[in-house]
Amino acid sequence: MVRDMHAVVAWVMVVSNAGVGLWVLAAHFVPTLRHRLMWPAVGAAQAVIVVQVLLGVQLHLATDAPAGRHQLYGFAAFISIGMLFAYRNEMRDRPYLLYGLGSLWLMGLGLRAFQLV
């Protein structure tokens, strides 16, 4: 059950971060795409990563499998969320660029973790 949920949430993580990444990056160049729902969507896509990591930890503890590169990419995505938040002040004049590229980075980490399963 947890394994199936982890697989489904993985796709939600990749697709949601791809979607908001493209949206926010496009909004950097086209100001009319900037909508008030953009930032809650970014937060929701990042919250999916937190859920995915928690499911992965639960799955790891249940199977007692050795940790590997798959887990590395999951935790790298989790830590990247904090790094994006930490850089928001340095990039305050270009937040759309920061979160657009950052969300695409998170999507890439999710895709990379797929290859290791």
N, C-alpha and C. Protein backbone atom coordinates (compact mmCIF):
# COMPACT_ATOMS: atom_id res chain seq x y z
N MET A 1 0.82 -1.19 0.00
CA MET A 1 0.00 0.00 0.00
C MET A 1 0.87 1.26 0.00
N VAL A 2 1.86 1.32 0.90
CA VAL A 2 2.73 2.49 0.96
C VAL A 2 3.56 2.57 -0.31
N ARG A 3 3.98 1.43 -0.83
CA ARG A 3 4.77 1.43 -2.07
C ARG A 3 3.96 2.01 -3.24
N ASP A 4 2.68 1.64 -3.31
CA ASP A 4 1.83 2.16 -4.38
C ASP A 4 1.60 3.66 -4.22
N MET A 5 1.38 4.10 -2.99
CA MET A 5 1.20 5.53 -2.74
C MET A 5 2.46 6.30 -3.09
N HIS A 6 3.62 5.73 -2.75
CA HIS A 6 4.89 6.37 -3.05
C HIS A 6 5.07 6.52 -4.56
N ALA A 7 4.65 5.52 -5.31
CA ALA A 7 4.76 5.57 -6.77
C ALA A 7 3.83 6.62 -7.37
N VAL A 8 2.61 6.69 -6.86
CA VAL A 8 1.64 7.67 -7.37
C VAL A 8 2.07 9.09 -7.02
N VAL A 9 2.47 9.29 -5.78
CA VAL A 9 2.88 10.63 -5.34
C VAL A 9 4.15 11.07 -6.08
N ALA A 10 4.98 10.11 -6.49
CA ALA A 10 6.18 10.46 -7.26
C ALA A 10 5.79 11.13 -8.57
N TRP A 11 4.79 10.57 -9.24
CA TRP A 11 4.34 11.20 -10.49
C TRP A 11 3.70 12.55 -10.23
N VAL A 12 2.94 12.67 -9.15
CA VAL A 12 2.35 13.97 -8.80
C VAL A 12 3.45 14.98 -8.54
N MET A 13 4.52 14.56 -7.88
CA MET A 13 5.65 15.44 -7.60
C MET A 13 6.29 15.94 -8.89
N VAL A 14 6.56 15.03 -9.81
CA VAL A 14 7.23 15.40 -11.06
C VAL A 14 6.33 16.32 -11.89
N VAL A 15 5.08 15.93 -12.07
CA VAL A 15 4.18 16.71 -12.92
C VAL A 15 3.86 18.07 -12.31
N SER A 16 3.63 18.12 -11.01
CA SER A 16 3.28 19.40 -10.39
C SER A 16 4.46 20.37 -10.41
N ASN A 17 5.66 19.88 -10.15
CA ASN A 17 6.81 20.77 -10.19
C ASN A 17 7.17 21.19 -11.61
N ALA A 18 6.93 20.31 -12.58
CA ALA A 18 7.13 20.70 -13.98
C ALA A 18 6.14 21.79 -14.36
N GLY A 19 4.89 21.61 -13.97
CA GLY A 19 3.86 22.59 -14.31
C GLY A 19 4.11 23.96 -13.70
N VAL A 20 4.36 23.98 -12.40
CA VAL A 20 4.59 25.29 -11.77
C VAL A 20 5.93 25.87 -12.21
N GLY A 21 6.91 25.02 -12.46
CA GLY A 21 8.20 25.51 -12.93
C GLY A 21 8.07 26.24 -14.26
N LEU A 22 7.35 25.63 -15.20
CA LEU A 22 7.15 26.27 -16.49
C LEU A 22 6.30 27.53 -16.38
N TRP A 23 5.28 27.48 -15.53
CA TRP A 23 4.40 28.62 -15.34
C TRP A 23 5.17 29.81 -14.76
N VAL A 24 5.91 29.56 -13.69
CA VAL A 24 6.63 30.65 -13.01
C VAL A 24 7.76 31.16 -13.89
N LEU A 25 8.44 30.28 -14.58
CA LEU A 25 9.51 30.72 -15.47
C LEU A 25 8.94 31.56 -16.62
N ALA A 26 7.83 31.14 -17.17
CA ALA A 26 7.19 31.93 -18.22
C ALA A 26 6.73 33.29 -17.68
N ALA A 27 6.28 33.32 -16.42
CA ALA A 27 5.84 34.56 -15.81
C ALA A 27 6.99 35.54 -15.61
N HIS A 28 8.21 35.03 -15.56
CA HIS A 28 9.37 35.92 -15.48
C HIS A 28 9.47 36.78 -16.74
N PHE A 29 9.11 36.20 -17.88
CA PHE A 29 9.22 36.89 -19.15
C PHE A 29 7.92 37.55 -19.60
N VAL A 30 6.78 36.99 -19.17
CA VAL A 30 5.47 37.50 -19.58
C VAL A 30 4.70 37.88 -18.31
N PRO A 31 4.74 39.15 -17.92
CA PRO A 31 4.11 39.56 -16.66
C PRO A 31 2.61 39.28 -16.57
N THR A 32 1.92 39.14 -17.68
CA THR A 32 0.48 38.86 -17.61
C THR A 32 0.19 37.46 -17.07
N LEU A 33 1.19 36.59 -17.04
CA LEU A 33 1.00 35.25 -16.48
C LEU A 33 1.10 35.23 -14.95
N ARG A 34 1.48 36.34 -14.37
CA ARG A 34 1.60 36.40 -12.91
C ARG A 34 0.21 36.50 -12.30
N HIS A 35 -0.15 35.48 -11.60
CA HIS A 35 -1.48 35.38 -11.01
C HIS A 35 -1.34 35.13 -9.52
N ARG A 36 -2.32 35.53 -8.76
CA ARG A 36 -2.24 35.38 -7.30
C ARG A 36 -2.22 33.92 -6.86
N LEU A 37 -2.67 33.00 -7.70
CA LEU A 37 -2.65 31.58 -7.36
C LEU A 37 -1.30 30.92 -7.64
N MET A 38 -0.37 31.68 -8.23
CA MET A 38 0.91 31.09 -8.60
C MET A 38 1.69 30.62 -7.37
N TRP A 39 1.80 31.46 -6.35
CA TRP A 39 2.62 31.12 -5.18
C TRP A 39 2.00 30.00 -4.36
N PRO A 40 0.66 29.96 -4.17
CA PRO A 40 0.10 28.77 -3.51
C PRO A 40 0.33 27.48 -4.32
N ALA A 41 0.35 27.58 -5.64
CA ALA A 41 0.63 26.40 -6.46
C ALA A 41 2.07 25.93 -6.27
N VAL A 42 2.99 26.87 -6.17
CA VAL A 42 4.39 26.50 -5.91
C VAL A 42 4.49 25.83 -4.54
N GLY A 43 3.82 26.39 -3.54
CA GLY A 43 3.84 25.81 -2.21
C GLY A 43 3.22 24.41 -2.19
N ALA A 44 2.16 24.21 -2.94
CA ALA A 44 1.52 22.90 -2.99
C ALA A 44 2.44 21.87 -3.66
N ALA A 45 3.12 22.29 -4.74
CA ALA A 45 4.05 21.36 -5.41
C ALA A 45 5.20 21.00 -4.49
N GLN A 46 5.66 21.94 -3.69
CA GLN A 46 6.73 21.65 -2.74
C GLN A 46 6.23 20.82 -1.57
N ALA A 47 4.98 21.00 -1.18
CA ALA A 47 4.40 20.18 -0.11
C ALA A 47 4.29 18.72 -0.55
N VAL A 48 4.06 18.50 -1.83
CA VAL A 48 4.01 17.12 -2.34
C VAL A 48 5.36 16.44 -2.14
N ILE A 49 6.44 17.20 -2.26
CA ILE A 49 7.77 16.63 -2.04
C ILE A 49 7.93 16.18 -0.59
N VAL A 50 7.43 16.99 0.33
CA VAL A 50 7.51 16.62 1.75
C VAL A 50 6.72 15.33 1.99
N VAL A 51 5.53 15.23 1.42
CA VAL A 51 4.73 14.01 1.55
C VAL A 51 5.47 12.83 0.95
N GLN A 52 6.09 13.04 -0.20
CA GLN A 52 6.83 11.96 -0.87
C GLN A 52 7.99 11.48 -0.03
N VAL A 53 8.72 12.39 0.58
CA VAL A 53 9.84 12.00 1.44
C VAL A 53 9.34 11.23 2.65
N LEU A 54 8.25 11.68 3.25
CA LEU A 54 7.70 10.96 4.41
C LEU A 54 7.23 9.56 4.03
N LEU A 55 6.61 9.43 2.87
CA LEU A 55 6.21 8.10 2.40
C LEU A 55 7.44 7.23 2.13
N GLY A 56 8.48 7.83 1.57
CA GLY A 56 9.71 7.09 1.31
C GLY A 56 10.38 6.61 2.58
N VAL A 57 10.38 7.44 3.60
CA VAL A 57 10.97 7.04 4.88
C VAL A 57 10.16 5.91 5.49
N GLN A 58 8.84 6.03 5.42
CA GLN A 58 7.98 4.97 5.95
C GLN A 58 8.20 3.66 5.18
N LEU A 59 8.33 3.74 3.88
CA LEU A 59 8.57 2.56 3.07
C LEU A 59 9.93 1.95 3.39
N HIS A 60 10.93 2.78 3.56
CA HIS A 60 12.28 2.31 3.89
C HIS A 60 12.29 1.58 5.23
N LEU A 61 11.60 2.15 6.20
CA LEU A 61 11.56 1.52 7.53
C LEU A 61 10.78 0.21 7.52
N ALA A 62 9.77 0.13 6.68
CA ALA A 62 8.95 -1.09 6.62
C ALA A 62 9.68 -2.23 5.91
N THR A 63 10.51 -1.90 4.93
CA THR A 63 11.18 -2.95 4.17
C THR A 63 12.58 -3.24 4.69
N ASP A 64 13.13 -2.36 5.47
CA ASP A 64 14.47 -2.52 6.04
C ASP A 64 15.53 -2.71 4.94
N ALA A 65 15.31 -2.02 3.82
CA ALA A 65 16.27 -2.09 2.71
C ALA A 65 17.41 -1.11 2.96
N PRO A 66 18.59 -1.39 2.42
CA PRO A 66 19.70 -0.45 2.59
C PRO A 66 19.44 0.84 1.81
N ALA A 67 19.91 1.94 2.35
CA ALA A 67 19.74 3.23 1.68
C ALA A 67 20.63 3.28 0.44
N GLY A 68 20.18 4.00 -0.56
CA GLY A 68 20.94 4.10 -1.79
C GLY A 68 20.77 5.46 -2.44
N ARG A 69 21.10 5.51 -3.72
CA ARG A 69 21.02 6.79 -4.43
C ARG A 69 19.59 7.27 -4.60
N HIS A 70 18.63 6.38 -4.65
CA HIS A 70 17.22 6.77 -4.75
C HIS A 70 16.85 7.67 -3.57
N GLN A 71 17.25 7.27 -2.37
CA GLN A 71 16.97 8.07 -1.18
C GLN A 71 17.76 9.37 -1.21
N LEU A 72 18.95 9.34 -1.76
CA LEU A 72 19.76 10.55 -1.88
C LEU A 72 19.04 11.62 -2.68
N TYR A 73 18.45 11.24 -3.81
CA TYR A 73 17.73 12.21 -4.63
C TYR A 73 16.48 12.72 -3.92
N GLY A 74 15.81 11.87 -3.16
CA GLY A 74 14.64 12.32 -2.40
C GLY A 74 15.01 13.36 -1.36
N PHE A 75 16.06 13.09 -0.61
CA PHE A 75 16.46 14.06 0.40
C PHE A 75 17.09 15.31 -0.22
N ALA A 76 17.71 15.16 -1.39
CA ALA A 76 18.24 16.34 -2.08
C ALA A 76 17.10 17.27 -2.50
N ALA A 77 15.98 16.69 -2.93
CA ALA A 77 14.81 17.50 -3.28
C ALA A 77 14.28 18.21 -2.04
N PHE A 78 14.21 17.48 -0.94
CA PHE A 78 13.72 18.05 0.31
C PHE A 78 14.60 19.23 0.76
N ILE A 79 15.90 19.05 0.70
CA ILE A 79 16.83 20.11 1.11
C ILE A 79 16.80 21.26 0.12
N SER A 80 16.58 20.97 -1.16
CA SER A 80 16.53 22.03 -2.17
C SER A 80 15.38 23.00 -1.92
N ILE A 81 14.29 22.52 -1.34
CA ILE A 81 13.18 23.42 -1.00
C ILE A 81 13.67 24.48 -0.02
N GLY A 82 14.40 24.06 0.99
CA GLY A 82 14.95 25.01 1.96
C GLY A 82 15.95 25.96 1.33
N MET A 83 16.73 25.47 0.39
CA MET A 83 17.70 26.33 -0.27
C MET A 83 17.02 27.38 -1.14
N LEU A 84 15.95 27.00 -1.81
CA LEU A 84 15.20 27.98 -2.59
C LEU A 84 14.65 29.08 -1.68
N PHE A 85 14.10 28.66 -0.55
CA PHE A 85 13.56 29.63 0.40
C PHE A 85 14.67 30.53 0.96
N ALA A 86 15.83 29.97 1.20
CA ALA A 86 16.95 30.74 1.75
C ALA A 86 17.46 31.78 0.76
N TYR A 87 17.37 31.51 -0.52
CA TYR A 87 17.88 32.45 -1.53
C TYR A 87 16.86 33.49 -1.96
N ARG A 88 15.66 33.46 -1.40
CA ARG A 88 14.62 34.38 -1.85
C ARG A 88 15.00 35.84 -1.64
N ASN A 89 15.75 36.17 -0.59
CA ASN A 89 16.15 37.57 -0.37
C ASN A 89 17.22 38.02 -1.34
N GLU A 90 18.16 37.14 -1.67
CA GLU A 90 19.20 37.50 -2.63
C GLU A 90 18.62 37.67 -4.03
N MET A 91 17.53 36.98 -4.31
CA MET A 91 16.92 37.04 -5.64
C MET A 91 15.59 37.79 -5.60
N ARG A 92 15.44 38.72 -4.68
CA ARG A 92 14.14 39.39 -4.51
C ARG A 92 13.71 40.15 -5.76
N ASP A 93 14.65 40.54 -6.60
CA ASP A 93 14.28 41.23 -7.83
C ASP A 93 13.99 40.25 -8.98
N ARG A 94 14.25 38.96 -8.77
CA ARG A 94 13.99 37.93 -9.79
C ARG A 94 13.38 36.67 -9.16
N PRO A 95 12.30 36.80 -8.39
CA PRO A 95 11.74 35.61 -7.72
C PRO A 95 11.16 34.59 -8.70
N TYR A 96 10.66 35.08 -9.84
CA TYR A 96 10.08 34.15 -10.81
C TYR A 96 11.15 33.28 -11.43
N LEU A 97 12.30 33.86 -11.66
CA LEU A 97 13.41 33.10 -12.21
C LEU A 97 13.90 32.06 -11.19
N LEU A 98 14.02 32.47 -9.93
CA LEU A 98 14.47 31.56 -8.87
C LEU A 98 13.53 30.37 -8.72
N TYR A 99 12.24 30.65 -8.56
CA TYR A 99 11.31 29.55 -8.31
C TYR A 99 10.94 28.79 -9.58
N GLY A 100 11.03 29.42 -10.73
CA GLY A 100 10.80 28.70 -11.98
C GLY A 100 11.89 27.66 -12.23
N LEU A 101 13.13 28.11 -12.18
CA LEU A 101 14.25 27.18 -12.37
C LEU A 101 14.35 26.19 -11.21
N GLY A 102 14.05 26.67 -10.00
CA GLY A 102 14.10 25.78 -8.84
C GLY A 102 13.08 24.67 -8.92
N SER A 103 11.89 24.97 -9.39
CA SER A 103 10.86 23.93 -9.53
C SER A 103 11.24 22.93 -10.62
N LEU A 104 11.85 23.42 -11.68
CA LEU A 104 12.32 22.49 -12.72
C LEU A 104 13.46 21.63 -12.19
N TRP A 105 14.29 22.17 -11.33
CA TRP A 105 15.35 21.39 -10.67
C TRP A 105 14.73 20.27 -9.83
N LEU A 106 13.69 20.62 -9.06
CA LEU A 106 13.01 19.63 -8.23
C LEU A 106 12.38 18.53 -9.09
N MET A 107 11.80 18.92 -10.22
CA MET A 107 11.25 17.94 -11.14
C MET A 107 12.35 17.00 -11.64
N GLY A 108 13.50 17.57 -11.97
CA GLY A 108 14.61 16.75 -12.43
C GLY A 108 15.12 15.77 -11.40
N LEU A 109 15.15 16.19 -10.13
CA LEU A 109 15.55 15.27 -9.07
C LEU A 109 14.56 14.11 -8.95
N GLY A 110 13.27 14.43 -9.12
CA GLY A 110 12.26 13.37 -9.10
C GLY A 110 12.42 12.40 -10.25
N LEU A 111 12.68 12.92 -11.44
CA LEU A 111 12.89 12.05 -12.60
C LEU A 111 14.15 11.19 -12.43
N ARG A 112 15.18 11.76 -11.88
CA ARG A 112 16.41 11.01 -11.65
C ARG A 112 16.19 9.87 -10.65
N ALA A 113 15.38 10.13 -9.64
CA ALA A 113 15.09 9.09 -8.66
C ALA A 113 14.31 7.94 -9.31
N PHE A 114 13.48 8.23 -10.30
CA PHE A 114 12.75 7.19 -11.03
C PHE A 114 13.70 6.19 -11.68
N GLN A 115 14.80 6.67 -12.20
CA GLN A 115 15.72 5.81 -12.91
C GLN A 115 16.42 4.82 -11.98
N LEU A 116 16.39 5.08 -10.70
CA LEU A 116 17.10 4.25 -9.75
C LEU A 116 16.23 3.22 -9.05
N VAL A 117 14.96 3.17 -9.41
CA VAL A 117 14.05 2.22 -8.76
C VAL A 117 14.07 0.91 -9.49
